[in-house]
PDB file of N, CA and C in Angstrom:
ATOM      1  N   MET A   1      74.296  63.798 115.989  1.00  0.00           N
ATOM      2  CA  MET A   1      73.770  63.821 117.344  1.00  0.00           C
ATOM      3  C   MET A   1      73.913  62.437 117.980  1.00  0.00           C
ATOM      4  N   ARG A   2      73.581  61.376 117.219  1.00  0.00           N
ATOM      5  CA  ARG A   2      73.709  60.021 117.776  1.00  0.00           C
ATOM      6  C   ARG A   2      75.137  59.722 118.196  1.00  0.00           C
ATOM      7  N   LYS A   3      76.098  60.140 117.385  1.00  0.00           N
ATOM      8  CA  LYS A   3      77.511  59.883 117.705  1.00  0.00           C
ATOM      9  C   LYS A   3      77.899  60.588 119.003  1.00  0.00           C
ATOM     10  N   LEU A   4      77.464  61.830 119.173  1.00  0.00           N
ATOM     11  CA  LEU A   4      77.747  62.579 120.399  1.00  0.00           C
ATOM     12  C   LEU A   4      77.110  61.889 121.603  1.00  0.00           C
ATOM     13  N   LEU A   5      75.856  61.489 121.476  1.00  0.00           N
ATOM     14  CA  LEU A   5      75.176  60.805 122.583  1.00  0.00           C
ATOM     15  C   LEU A   5      75.847  59.487 122.922  1.00  0.00           C
ATOM     16  N   THR A   6      76.166  58.716 121.885  1.00  0.00           N
ATOM     17  CA  THR A   6      76.814  57.424 122.108  1.00  0.00           C
ATOM     18  C   THR A   6      78.154  57.603 122.804  1.00  0.00           C
ATOM     19  N   SER A   7      78.955  58.534 122.320  1.00  0.00           N
ATOM     20  CA  SER A   7      80.265  58.794 122.921  1.00  0.00           C
ATOM     21  C   SER A   7      80.125  59.252 124.369  1.00  0.00           C
ATOM     22  N   THR A   8      79.246  60.206 124.614  1.00  0.00           N
ATOM     23  CA  THR A   8      79.058  60.754 125.963  1.00  0.00           C
ATOM     24  C   THR A   8      78.614  59.663 126.938  1.00  0.00           C
ATOM     25  N   LEU A   9      77.631  58.870 126.544  1.00  0.00           N
ATOM     26  CA  LEU A   9      77.090  57.853 127.452  1.00  0.00           C
ATOM     27  C   LEU A   9      78.034  56.666 127.613  1.00  0.00           C
ATOM     28  N   THR A  10      78.750  56.311 126.554  1.00  0.00           N
ATOM     29  CA  THR A  10      79.733  55.227 126.653  1.00  0.00           C
ATOM     30  C   THR A  10      80.862  55.617 127.603  1.00  0.00           C
ATOM     31  N   GLN A  11      81.338  56.858 127.482  1.00  0.00           N
ATOM     32  CA  GLN A  11      82.398  57.330 128.382  1.00  0.00           C
ATOM     33  C   GLN A  11      81.921  57.368 129.830  1.00  0.00           C
ATOM     34  N   ALA A  12      80.628  57.499 130.040  1.00  0.00           N
ATOM     35  CA  ALA A  12      80.077  57.512 131.399  1.00  0.00           C
ATOM     36  C   ALA A  12      79.826  56.100 131.922  1.00  0.00           C
ATOM     37  N   GLY A  13      80.126  55.082 131.106  1.00  0.00           N
ATOM     38  CA  GLY A  13      80.018  53.706 131.573  1.00  0.00           C
ATOM     39  C   GLY A  13      78.775  52.955 131.138  1.00  0.00           C
ATOM     40  N   PHE A  14      77.952  53.570 130.290  1.00  0.00           N
ATOM     41  CA  PHE A  14      76.754  52.891 129.807  1.00  0.00           C
ATOM     42  C   PHE A  14      77.061  52.083 128.553  1.00  0.00           C
ATOM     43  N   SER A  15      76.384  50.958 128.401  1.00  0.00           N
ATOM     44  CA  SER A  15      76.402  50.198 127.159  1.00  0.00           C
ATOM     45  C   SER A  15      75.298  50.798 126.294  1.00  0.00           C
ATOM     46  N   VAL A  16      75.640  51.219 125.081  1.00  0.00           N
ATOM     47  CA  VAL A  16      74.705  51.986 124.258  1.00  0.00           C
ATOM     48  C   VAL A  16      74.372  51.254 122.970  1.00  0.00           C
ATOM     49  N   ASP A  17      73.111  51.279 122.616  1.00  0.00           N
ATOM     50  CA  ASP A  17      72.604  50.740 121.361  1.00  0.00           C
ATOM     51  C   ASP A  17      71.971  51.913 120.619  1.00  0.00           C
ATOM     52  N   GLU A  18      72.237  52.045 119.328  1.00  0.00           N
ATOM     53  CA  GLU A  18      71.719  53.177 118.561  1.00  0.00           C
ATOM     54  C   GLU A  18      70.556  52.772 117.660  1.00  0.00           C
ATOM     55  N   ALA A  19      69.664  53.714 117.437  1.00  0.00           N
ATOM     56  CA  ALA A  19      68.579  53.551 116.459  1.00  0.00           C
ATOM     57  C   ALA A  19      68.713  54.682 115.455  1.00  0.00           C
ATOM     58  N   LYS A  20      68.574  54.370 114.171  1.00  0.00           N
ATOM     59  CA  LYS A  20      68.789  55.391 113.140  1.00  0.00           C
ATOM     60  C   LYS A  20      67.572  56.275 112.901  1.00  0.00           C
ATOM     61  N   ASN A  21      66.396  55.848 113.395  1.00  0.00           N
ATOM     62  CA  ASN A  21      65.178  56.648 113.239  1.00  0.00           C
ATOM     63  C   ASN A  21      64.118  56.140 114.223  1.00  0.00           C
ATOM     64  N   GLY A  22      62.970  56.774 114.226  1.00  0.00           N
ATOM     65  CA  GLY A  22      61.923  56.409 115.175  1.00  0.00           C
ATOM     66  C   GLY A  22      61.412  54.992 115.003  1.00  0.00           C
ATOM     67  N   SER A  23      61.252  54.543 113.761  1.00  0.00           N
ATOM     68  CA  SER A  23      60.776  53.172 113.514  1.00  0.00           C
ATOM     69  C   SER A  23      61.780  52.143 114.014  1.00  0.00           C
ATOM     70  N   ASP A  24      63.047  52.407 113.772  1.00  0.00           N
ATOM     71  CA  ASP A  24      64.113  51.530 114.253  1.00  0.00           C
ATOM     72  C   ASP A  24      64.119  51.489 115.783  1.00  0.00           C
ATOM     73  N   ALA A  25      63.907  52.637 116.410  1.00  0.00           N
ATOM     74  CA  ALA A  25      63.862  52.709 117.877  1.00  0.00           C
ATOM     75  C   ALA A  25      62.726  51.850 118.423  1.00  0.00           C
ATOM     76  N   VAL A  26      61.556  51.947 117.819  1.00  0.00           N
ATOM     77  CA  VAL A  26      60.402  51.159 118.276  1.00  0.00           C
ATOM     78  C   VAL A  26      60.695  49.669 118.141  1.00  0.00           C
ATOM     79  N   ALA A  27      61.259  49.253 117.012  1.00  0.00           N
ATOM     80  CA  ALA A  27      61.584  47.841 116.804  1.00  0.00           C
ATOM     81  C   ALA A  27      62.595  47.348 117.839  1.00  0.00           C
ATOM     82  N   LYS A  28      63.592  48.169 118.133  1.00  0.00           N
ATOM     83  CA  LYS A  28      64.605  47.775 119.113  1.00  0.00           C
ATOM     84  C   LYS A  28      64.015  47.680 120.523  1.00  0.00           C
ATOM     85  N   VAL A  29      63.139  48.598 120.864  1.00  0.00           N
ATOM     86  CA  VAL A  29      62.522  48.553 122.198  1.00  0.00           C
ATOM     87  C   VAL A  29      61.611  47.334 122.325  1.00  0.00           C
ATOM     88  N   ARG A  30      60.941  46.974 121.253  1.00  0.00           N
ATOM     89  CA  ARG A  30      60.094  45.767 121.281  1.00  0.00           C
ATOM     90  C   ARG A  30      60.922  44.510 121.515  1.00  0.00           C
ATOM     91  N   ALA A  31      62.141  44.494 120.956  1.00  0.00           N
ATOM     92  CA  ALA A  31      62.981  43.300 121.003  1.00  0.00           C
ATOM     93  C   ALA A  31      63.925  43.240 122.208  1.00  0.00           C
ATOM     94  N   ASN A  32      64.113  44.354 122.896  1.00  0.00           N
ATOM     95  CA  ASN A  32      65.103  44.416 123.976  1.00  0.00           C
ATOM     96  C   ASN A  32      64.524  45.083 125.217  1.00  0.00           C
ATOM     97  N   ASP A  33      65.197  44.851 126.335  1.00  0.00           N
ATOM     98  CA  ASP A  33      64.830  45.517 127.585  1.00  0.00           C
ATOM     99  C   ASP A  33      65.906  46.553 127.881  1.00  0.00           C
ATOM    100  N   TYR A  34      65.574  47.827 127.670  1.00  0.00           N
ATOM    101  CA  TYR A  34      66.527  48.905 127.897  1.00  0.00           C
ATOM    102  C   TYR A  34      66.317  49.535 129.265  1.00  0.00           C
ATOM    103  N   LEU A  35      67.422  49.864 129.888  1.00  0.00           N
ATOM    104  CA  LEU A  35      67.406  50.540 131.175  1.00  0.00           C
ATOM    105  C   LEU A  35      66.914  51.973 131.005  1.00  0.00           C
ATOM    106  N   VAL A  36      67.409  52.646 129.971  1.00  0.00           N
ATOM    107  CA  VAL A  36      67.041  54.023 129.658  1.00  0.00           C
ATOM    108  C   VAL A  36      66.982  54.157 128.140  1.00  0.00           C
ATOM    109  N   ILE A  37      66.056  54.963 127.662  1.00  0.00           N
ATOM    110  CA  ILE A  37      65.957  55.260 126.231  1.00  0.00           C
ATOM    111  C   ILE A  37      66.093  56.769 126.085  1.00  0.00           C
ATOM    112  N   VAL A  38      67.114  57.202 125.349  1.00  0.00           N
ATOM    113  CA  VAL A  38      67.314  58.619 125.076  1.00  0.00           C
ATOM    114  C   VAL A  38      66.822  58.849 123.655  1.00  0.00           C
ATOM    115  N   MET A  39      65.855  59.759 123.505  1.00  0.00           N
ATOM    116  CA  MET A  39      65.219  59.918 122.206  1.00  0.00           C
ATOM    117  C   MET A  39      65.010  61.381 121.838  1.00  0.00           C
ATOM    118  N   ASP A  40      65.343  61.704 120.603  1.00  0.00           N
ATOM    119  CA  ASP A  40      65.044  63.017 120.049  1.00  0.00           C
ATOM    120  C   ASP A  40      63.600  62.978 119.556  1.00  0.00           C
ATOM    121  N   LEU A  41      62.951  64.114 119.533  1.00  0.00           N
ATOM    122  CA  LEU A  41      61.582  64.158 119.000  1.00  0.00           C
ATOM    123  C   LEU A  41      61.562  64.278 117.481  1.00  0.00           C
ATOM    124  N   MET A  42      62.570  64.935 116.935  1.00  0.00           N
ATOM    125  CA  MET A  42      62.605  65.157 115.495  1.00  0.00           C
ATOM    126  C   MET A  42      63.548  64.134 114.856  1.00  0.00           C
ATOM    127  N   MET A  43      62.967  63.032 114.358  1.00  0.00           N
ATOM    128  CA  MET A  43      63.742  61.968 113.727  1.00  0.00           C
ATOM    129  C   MET A  43      63.122  61.635 112.379  1.00  0.00           C
ATOM    130  N   PRO A  44      63.927  61.067 111.482  1.00  0.00           N
ATOM    131  CA  PRO A  44      63.374  60.657 110.191  1.00  0.00           C
ATOM    132  C   PRO A  44      62.489  59.416 110.315  1.00  0.00           C
ATOM    133  N   VAL A  45      61.725  59.145 109.299  1.00  0.00           N
ATOM    134  CA  VAL A  45      60.840  57.990 109.133  1.00  0.00           C
ATOM    135  C   VAL A  45      59.665  58.040 110.103  1.00  0.00           C
ATOM    136  N   SER A  46      59.925  58.040 111.376  1.00  0.00           N
ATOM    137  CA  SER A  46      58.894  58.115 112.408  1.00  0.00           C
ATOM    138  C   SER A  46      59.416  59.050 113.495  1.00  0.00           C
ATOM    139  N   SER A  47      58.634  60.037 113.854  1.00  0.00           N
ATOM    140  CA  SER A  47      59.094  61.027 114.834  1.00  0.00           C
ATOM    141  C   SER A  47      59.202  60.427 116.226  1.00  0.00           C
ATOM    142  N   GLY A  48      59.875  61.152 117.103  1.00  0.00           N
ATOM    143  CA  GLY A  48      59.941  60.753 118.502  1.00  0.00           C
ATOM    144  C   GLY A  48      58.571  60.754 119.156  1.00  0.00           C
ATOM    145  N   PHE A  49      57.709  61.665 118.711  1.00  0.00           N
ATOM    146  CA  PHE A  49      56.331  61.690 119.231  1.00  0.00           C
ATOM    147  C   PHE A  49      55.659  60.342 118.944  1.00  0.00           C
ATOM    148  N   ASP A  50      55.751  59.909 117.675  1.00  0.00           N
ATOM    149  CA  ASP A  50      55.141  58.641 117.274  1.00  0.00           C
ATOM    150  C   ASP A  50      55.821  57.454 117.951  1.00  0.00           C
ATOM    151  N   ALA A  51      57.143  57.525 118.073  1.00  0.00           N
ATOM    152  CA  ALA A  51      57.881  56.426 118.688  1.00  0.00           C
ATOM    153  C   ALA A  51      57.520  56.266 120.165  1.00  0.00           C
ATOM    154  N   VAL A  52      57.428  57.357 120.902  1.00  0.00           N
ATOM    155  CA  VAL A  52      57.043  57.278 122.320  1.00  0.00           C
ATOM    156  C   VAL A  52      55.646  56.660 122.440  1.00  0.00           C
ATOM    157  N   HIS A  53      54.735  57.086 121.588  1.00  0.00           N
ATOM    158  CA  HIS A  53      53.375  56.542 121.617  1.00  0.00           C
ATOM    159  C   HIS A  53      53.383  55.032 121.321  1.00  0.00           C
ATOM    160  N   ALA A  54      54.107  54.625 120.284  1.00  0.00           N
ATOM    161  CA  ALA A  54      54.174  53.208 119.908  1.00  0.00           C
ATOM    162  C   ALA A  54      54.832  52.367 120.998  1.00  0.00           C
ATOM    163  N   ILE A  55      55.872  52.904 121.606  1.00  0.00           N
ATOM    164  CA  ILE A  55      56.553  52.192 122.686  1.00  0.00           C
ATOM    165  C   ILE A  55      55.603  51.985 123.863  1.00  0.00           C
ATOM    166  N   GLN A  56      54.850  53.028 124.200  1.00  0.00           N
ATOM    167  CA  GLN A  56      53.899  52.946 125.313  1.00  0.00           C
ATOM    168  C   GLN A  56      52.820  51.903 125.029  1.00  0.00           C
ATOM    169  N   LEU A  57      52.341  51.830 123.783  1.00  0.00           N
ATOM    170  CA  LEU A  57      51.321  50.837 123.432  1.00  0.00           C
ATOM    171  C   LEU A  57      51.854  49.420 123.572  1.00  0.00           C
ATOM    172  N   ASN A  58      53.106  49.228 123.183  1.00  0.00           N
ATOM    173  CA  ASN A  58      53.714  47.903 123.205  1.00  0.00           C
ATOM    174  C   ASN A  58      54.140  47.473 124.606  1.00  0.00           C
ATOM    175  N   LYS A  59      54.689  48.412 125.361  1.00  0.00           N
ATOM    176  CA  LYS A  59      55.186  48.112 126.713  1.00  0.00           C
ATOM    177  C   LYS A  59      54.712  49.217 127.651  1.00  0.00           C
ATOM    178  N   PRO A  60      53.490  49.105 128.144  1.00  0.00           N
ATOM    179  CA  PRO A  60      52.962  50.153 129.030  1.00  0.00           C
ATOM    180  C   PRO A  60      53.909  50.424 130.207  1.00  0.00           C
ATOM    181  N   GLY A  61      54.086  51.702 130.498  1.00  0.00           N
ATOM    182  CA  GLY A  61      54.937  52.110 131.608  1.00  0.00           C
ATOM    183  C   GLY A  61      56.383  52.344 131.230  1.00  0.00           C
ATOM    184  N   ILE A  62      56.814  51.851 130.065  1.00  0.00           N
ATOM    185  CA  ILE A  62      58.224  52.012 129.683  1.00  0.00           C
ATOM    186  C   ILE A  62      58.565  53.472 129.389  1.00  0.00           C
ATOM    187  N   GLY A  63      57.570  54.288 129.144  1.00  0.00           N
ATOM    188  CA  GLY A  63      57.816  55.702 128.895  1.00  0.00           C
ATOM    189  C   GLY A  63      58.583  56.363 130.026  1.00  0.00           C
ATOM    190  N   LYS A  64      58.442  55.859 131.232  1.00  0.00           N
ATOM    191  CA  LYS A  64      59.165  56.426 132.374  1.00  0.00           C
ATOM    192  C   LYS A  64      60.656  56.123 132.312  1.00  0.00           C
ATOM    193  N   ARG A  65      61.084  55.390 131.290  1.00  0.00           N
ATOM    194  CA  ARG A  65      62.509  55.157 131.046  1.00  0.00           C
ATOM    195  C   ARG A  65      63.022  56.012 129.886  1.00  0.00           C
ATOM    196  N   VAL A  66      62.172  56.895 129.356  1.00  0.00           N
ATOM    197  CA  VAL A  66      62.541  57.706 128.191  1.00  0.00           C
ATOM    198  C   VAL A  66      62.985  59.102 128.619  1.00  0.00           C
ATOM    199  N   VAL A  67      64.200  59.461 128.203  1.00  0.00           N
ATOM    200  CA  VAL A  67      64.726  60.808 128.360  1.00  0.00           C
ATOM    201  C   VAL A  67      64.641  61.438 126.971  1.00  0.00           C
ATOM    202  N   VAL A  68      63.816  62.446 126.821  1.00  0.00           N
ATOM    203  CA  VAL A  68      63.607  63.089 125.530  1.00  0.00           C
ATOM    204  C   VAL A  68      64.526  64.294 125.400  1.00  0.00           C
ATOM    205  N   LEU A  69      65.172  64.404 124.235  1.00  0.00           N
ATOM    206  CA  LEU A  69      65.959  65.576 123.878  1.00  0.00           C
ATOM    207  C   LEU A  69      65.220  66.280 122.761  1.00  0.00           C
ATOM    208  N   SER A  70      65.050  67.584 122.880  1.00  0.00           N
ATOM    209  CA  SER A  70      64.287  68.268 121.845  1.00  0.00           C
ATOM    210  C   SER A  70      64.652  69.733 121.718  1.00  0.00           C
ATOM    211  N   ALA A  71      64.654  70.182 120.485  1.00  0.00           N
ATOM    212  CA  ALA A  71      64.766  71.609 120.207  1.00  0.00           C
ATOM    213  C   ALA A  71      63.370  72.173 119.956  1.00  0.00           C
ATOM    214  N   ALA A  72      62.367  71.288 119.952  1.00  0.00           N
ATOM    215  CA  ALA A  72      60.986  71.703 119.701  1.00  0.00           C
ATOM    216  C   ALA A  72      60.500  72.631 120.807  1.00  0.00           C
ATOM    217  N   THR A  73      59.680  73.567 120.414  1.00  0.00           N
ATOM    218  CA  THR A  73      59.090  74.496 121.375  1.00  0.00           C
ATOM    219  C   THR A  73      57.609  74.650 121.066  1.00  0.00           C
ATOM    220  N   GLY A  74      56.908  75.300 121.949  1.00  0.00           N
ATOM    221  CA  GLY A  74      55.508  75.662 121.718  1.00  0.00           C
ATOM    222  C   GLY A  74      54.612  74.495 121.391  1.00  0.00           C
ATOM    223  N   LYS A  75      53.809  74.649 120.333  1.00  0.00           N
ATOM    224  CA  LYS A  75      52.806  73.649 119.965  1.00  0.00           C
ATOM    225  C   LYS A  75      53.421  72.300 119.618  1.00  0.00           C
ATOM    226  N   LYS A  76      54.572  72.322 118.949  1.00  0.00           N
ATOM    227  CA  LYS A  76      55.218  71.057 118.599  1.00  0.00           C
ATOM    228  C   LYS A  76      55.568  70.267 119.849  1.00  0.00           C
ATOM    229  N   LYS A  77      56.216  70.933 120.797  1.00  0.00           N
ATOM    230  CA  LYS A  77      56.619  70.267 122.040  1.00  0.00           C
ATOM    231  C   LYS A  77      55.396  69.836 122.847  1.00  0.00           C
ATOM    232  N   ALA A  78      54.328  70.609 122.770  1.00  0.00           N
ATOM    233  CA  ALA A  78      53.113  70.315 123.531  1.00  0.00           C
ATOM    234  C   ALA A  78      52.446  69.017 123.084  1.00  0.00           C
ATOM    235  N   ARG A  79      52.843  68.492 121.920  1.00  0.00           N
ATOM    236  CA  ARG A  79      52.271  67.221 121.454  1.00  0.00           C
ATOM    237  C   ARG A  79      52.670  66.048 122.344  1.00  0.00           C
ATOM    238  N   LEU A  80      53.687  66.232 123.173  1.00  0.00           N
ATOM    239  CA  LEU A  80      54.150  65.168 124.063  1.00  0.00           C
ATOM    240  C   LEU A  80      53.793  65.524 125.493  1.00  0.00           C
ATOM    241  N   ASP A  81      53.058  64.660 126.133  1.00  0.00           N
ATOM    242  CA  ASP A  81      52.687  64.852 127.532  1.00  0.00           C
ATOM    243  C   ASP A  81      53.899  64.515 128.402  1.00  0.00           C
ATOM    244  N   PRO A  82      54.426  65.484 129.153  1.00  0.00           N
ATOM    245  CA  PRO A  82      55.604  65.220 129.993  1.00  0.00           C
ATOM    246  C   PRO A  82      55.394  64.073 130.982  1.00  0.00           C
ATOM    247  N   ALA A  83      54.165  63.771 131.326  1.00  0.00           N
ATOM    248  CA  ALA A  83      53.887  62.670 132.255  1.00  0.00           C
ATOM    249  C   ALA A  83      54.152  61.304 131.608  1.00  0.00           C
ATOM    250  N   GLN A  84      54.288  61.267 130.277  1.00  0.00           N
ATOM    251  CA  GLN A  84      54.529  60.007 129.573  1.00  0.00           C
ATOM    252  C   GLN A  84      55.988  59.572 129.618  1.00  0.00           C
ATOM    253  N   VAL A  85      56.884  60.481 129.973  1.00  0.00           N
ATOM    254  CA  VAL A  85      58.317  60.197 129.908  1.00  0.00           C
ATOM    255  C   VAL A  85      59.002  60.559 131.221  1.00  0.00           C
ATOM    256  N   PHE A  86      60.256  60.141 131.357  1.00  0.00           N
ATOM    257  CA  PHE A  86      61.012  60.476 132.561  1.00  0.00           C
ATOM    258  C   PHE A  86      61.244  61.975 132.636  1.00  0.00           C
ATOM    259  N   THR A  87      61.736  62.544 131.535  1.00  0.00           N
ATOM    260  CA  THR A  87      61.951  63.989 131.463  1.00  0.00           C
ATOM    261  C   THR A  87      62.134  64.423 130.021  1.00  0.00           C
ATOM    262  N   ILE A  88      62.001  65.714 129.801  1.00  0.00           N
ATOM    263  CA  ILE A  88      62.278  66.318 128.503  1.00  0.00           C
ATOM    264  C   ILE A  88      63.398  67.333 128.713  1.00  0.00           C
ATOM    265  N   MET A  89      64.504  67.130 128.001  1.00  0.00           N
ATOM    266  CA  MET A  89      65.638  68.054 128.077  1.00  0.00           C
ATOM    267  C   MET A  89      65.660  68.894 126.810  1.00  0.00           C
ATOM    268  N   GLN A  90      65.820  70.175 126.981  1.00  0.00           N
ATOM    269  CA  GLN A  90      65.849  71.106 125.852  1.00  0.00           C
ATOM    270  C   GLN A  90      67.230  71.110 125.204  1.00  0.00           C
ATOM    271  N   LYS A  91      67.277  71.115 123.877  1.00  0.00           N
ATOM    272  CA  LYS A  91      68.532  71.297 123.139  1.00  0.00           C
ATOM    273  C   LYS A  91      68.770  72.781 122.971  1.00  0.00           C
ATOM    274  N   PRO A  92      70.003  73.216 122.940  1.00  0.00           N
ATOM    275  CA  PRO A  92      71.199  72.422 123.201  1.00  0.00           C
ATOM    276  C   PRO A  92      71.259  72.011 124.665  1.00  0.00           C
ATOM    277  N   PHE A  93      71.898  70.904 124.933  1.00  0.00           N
ATOM    278  CA  PHE A  93      71.965  70.381 126.296  1.00  0.00           C
ATOM    279  C   PHE A  93      73.418  70.264 126.745  1.00  0.00           C
ATOM    280  N   ASP A  94      73.613  70.234 128.034  1.00  0.00           N
ATOM    281  CA  ASP A  94      74.926  70.058 128.645  1.00  0.00           C
ATOM    282  C   ASP A  94      75.171  68.549 128.767  1.00  0.00           C
ATOM    283  N   PRO A  95      76.231  68.013 128.129  1.00  0.00           N
ATOM    284  CA  PRO A  95      76.494  66.574 128.203  1.00  0.00           C
ATOM    285  C   PRO A  95      76.584  66.039 129.637  1.00  0.00           C
ATOM    286  N   ALA A  96      77.184  66.793 130.549  1.00  0.00           N
ATOM    287  CA  ALA A  96      77.288  66.345 131.944  1.00  0.00           C
ATOM    288  C   ALA A  96      75.901  66.240 132.577  1.00  0.00           C
ATOM    289  N   LYS A  97      75.027  67.167 132.245  1.00  0.00           N
ATOM    290  CA  LYS A  97      73.654  67.122 132.767  1.00  0.00           C
ATOM    291  C   LYS A  97      72.894  65.937 132.167  1.00  0.00           C
ATOM    292  N   LEU A  98      73.153  65.634 130.897  1.00  0.00           N
ATOM    293  CA  LEU A  98      72.526  64.459 130.284  1.00  0.00           C
ATOM    294  C   LEU A  98      72.942  63.195 131.022  1.00  0.00           C
ATOM    295  N   VAL A  99      74.244  63.045 131.284  1.00  0.00           N
ATOM    296  CA  VAL A  99      74.732  61.858 131.999  1.00  0.00           C
ATOM    297  C   VAL A  99      74.075  61.770 133.371  1.00  0.00           C
ATOM    298  N   GLU A 100      74.008  62.877 134.069  1.00  0.00           N
ATOM    299  CA  GLU A 100      73.360  62.913 135.390  1.00  0.00           C
ATOM    300  C   GLU A 100      71.891  62.486 135.282  1.00  0.00           C
ATOM    301  N   THR A 101      71.206  62.975 134.272  1.00  0.00           N
ATOM    302  CA  THR A 101      69.790  62.653 134.082  1.00  0.00           C
ATOM    303  C   THR A 101      69.607  61.182 133.740  1.00  0.00           C
ATOM    304  N   VAL A 102      70.458  60.639 132.871  1.00  0.00           N
ATOM    305  CA  VAL A 102      70.374  59.226 132.504  1.00  0.00           C
ATOM    306  C   VAL A 102      70.641  58.353 133.728  1.00  0.00           C
ATOM    307  N   LYS A 103      71.591  58.743 134.555  1.00  0.00           N
ATOM    308  CA  LYS A 103      71.874  57.976 135.780  1.00  0.00           C
ATOM    309  C   LYS A 103      70.667  57.990 136.723  1.00  0.00           C
ATOM    310  N   ARG A 104      70.018  59.148 136.871  1.00  0.00           N
ATOM    311  CA  ARG A 104      68.816  59.223 137.725  1.00  0.00           C
ATOM    312  C   ARG A 104      67.703  58.354 137.166  1.00  0.00           C
ATOM    313  N   CYS A 105      67.534  58.366 135.859  1.00  0.00           N
ATOM    314  CA  CYS A 105      66.510  57.546 135.223  1.00  0.00           C
ATOM    315  C   CYS A 105      66.820  56.065 135.430  1.00  0.00           C
ATOM    316  N   ALA A 106      68.081  55.688 135.253  1.00  0.00           N
ATOM    317  CA  ALA A 106      68.491  54.297 135.457  1.00  0.00           C
ATOM    318  C   ALA A 106      68.249  53.869 136.895  1.00  0.00           C
ATOM    319  N   ASP A 107      68.569  54.731 137.846  1.00  0.00           N
ATOM    320  CA  ASP A 107      68.367  54.415 139.264  1.00  0.00           C
ATOM    321  C   ASP A 107      66.895  54.198 139.587  1.00  0.00           C
ATOM    322  N   GLN A 108      66.022  55.010 139.011  1.00  0.00           N
ATOM    323  CA  GLN A 108      64.590  54.872 139.308  1.00  0.00           C
ATOM    324  C   GLN A 108      63.963  53.680 138.600  1.00  0.00           C
ATOM    325  N   SER A 109      64.581  53.214 137.501  1.00  0.00           N
ATOM    326  CA  SER A 109      63.981  52.078 136.798  1.00  0.00           C
ATOM    327  C   SER A 109      64.186  50.770 137.540  1.00  0.00           C
ATOM    328  N   GLY A 110      65.264  50.695 138.332  1.00  0.00           N
ATOM    329  CA  GLY A 110      65.483  49.549 139.190  1.00  0.00           C
ATOM    330  C   GLY A 110      65.766  48.248 138.465  1.00  0.00           C
ATOM    331  N   SER A 111      66.203  48.316 137.223  1.00  0.00           N
ATOM    332  CA  SER A 111      66.531  47.085 136.501  1.00  0.00           C
ATOM    333  C   SER A 111      67.853  47.268 135.782  1.00  0.00           C
ATOM    334  N   THR A 112      68.319  46.212 135.152  1.00  0.00           N
ATOM    335  CA  THR A 112      69.552  46.299 134.406  1.00  0.00           C
ATOM    336  C   THR A 112      69.264  46.192 132.923  1.00  0.00           C
ATOM    337  N   GLY A 113      70.151  46.698 132.124  1.00  0.00           N
ATOM    338  CA  GLY A 113      69.960  46.639 130.680  1.00  0.00           C
ATOM    339  C   GLY A 113      70.871  47.625 129.998  1.00  0.00           C
ATOM    340  N   ARG A 114      70.570  47.870 128.727  1.00  0.00           N
ATOM    341  CA  ARG A 114      71.377  48.794 127.930  1.00  0.00           C
ATOM    342  C   ARG A 114      70.642  50.109 127.786  1.00  0.00           C
ATOM    343  N   THR A 115      71.411  51.102 127.388  1.00  0.00           N
ATOM    344  CA  THR A 115      70.846  52.415 127.087  1.00  0.00           C
ATOM    345  C   THR A 115      70.745  52.537 125.583  1.00  0.00           C
ATOM    346  N   GLN A 116      69.619  52.998 125.094  1.00  0.00           N
ATOM    347  CA  GLN A 116      69.458  53.208 123.662  1.00  0.00           C
ATOM    348  C   GLN A 116      69.429  54.700 123.386  1.00  0.00           C
ATOM    349  N   SER A 117      70.139  55.116 122.323  1.00  0.00           N
ATOM    350  CA  SER A 117      70.053  56.514 121.901  1.00  0.00           C
ATOM    351  C   SER A 117      69.734  56.577 120.432  1.00  0.00           C
TER     352      SER A 117
END
């Protein structure tokens, strides 16, 4: 999934940084200023749910730069408040729609930086 996201976003002109799991994502967000963060909810070591929460604690408001990708439904998906993030996209997703969504998120953030997936 990371390879597909990286390829899709790189071809769309974004500079992309990858995280191998939720803990790695949190560490990278603490150390860098990302324009957009694309995150799956189901990741090894630390879930996307935990990572979004940790990111919000460390950098309040940064959740509005998070585009969540998830196959989770029902109670699992309900663990994440949609108001905490830019949007939640259901898997499977259309790569063109992902690029469009990342561009909208980047435009609303009003800053420059890299995209993390």
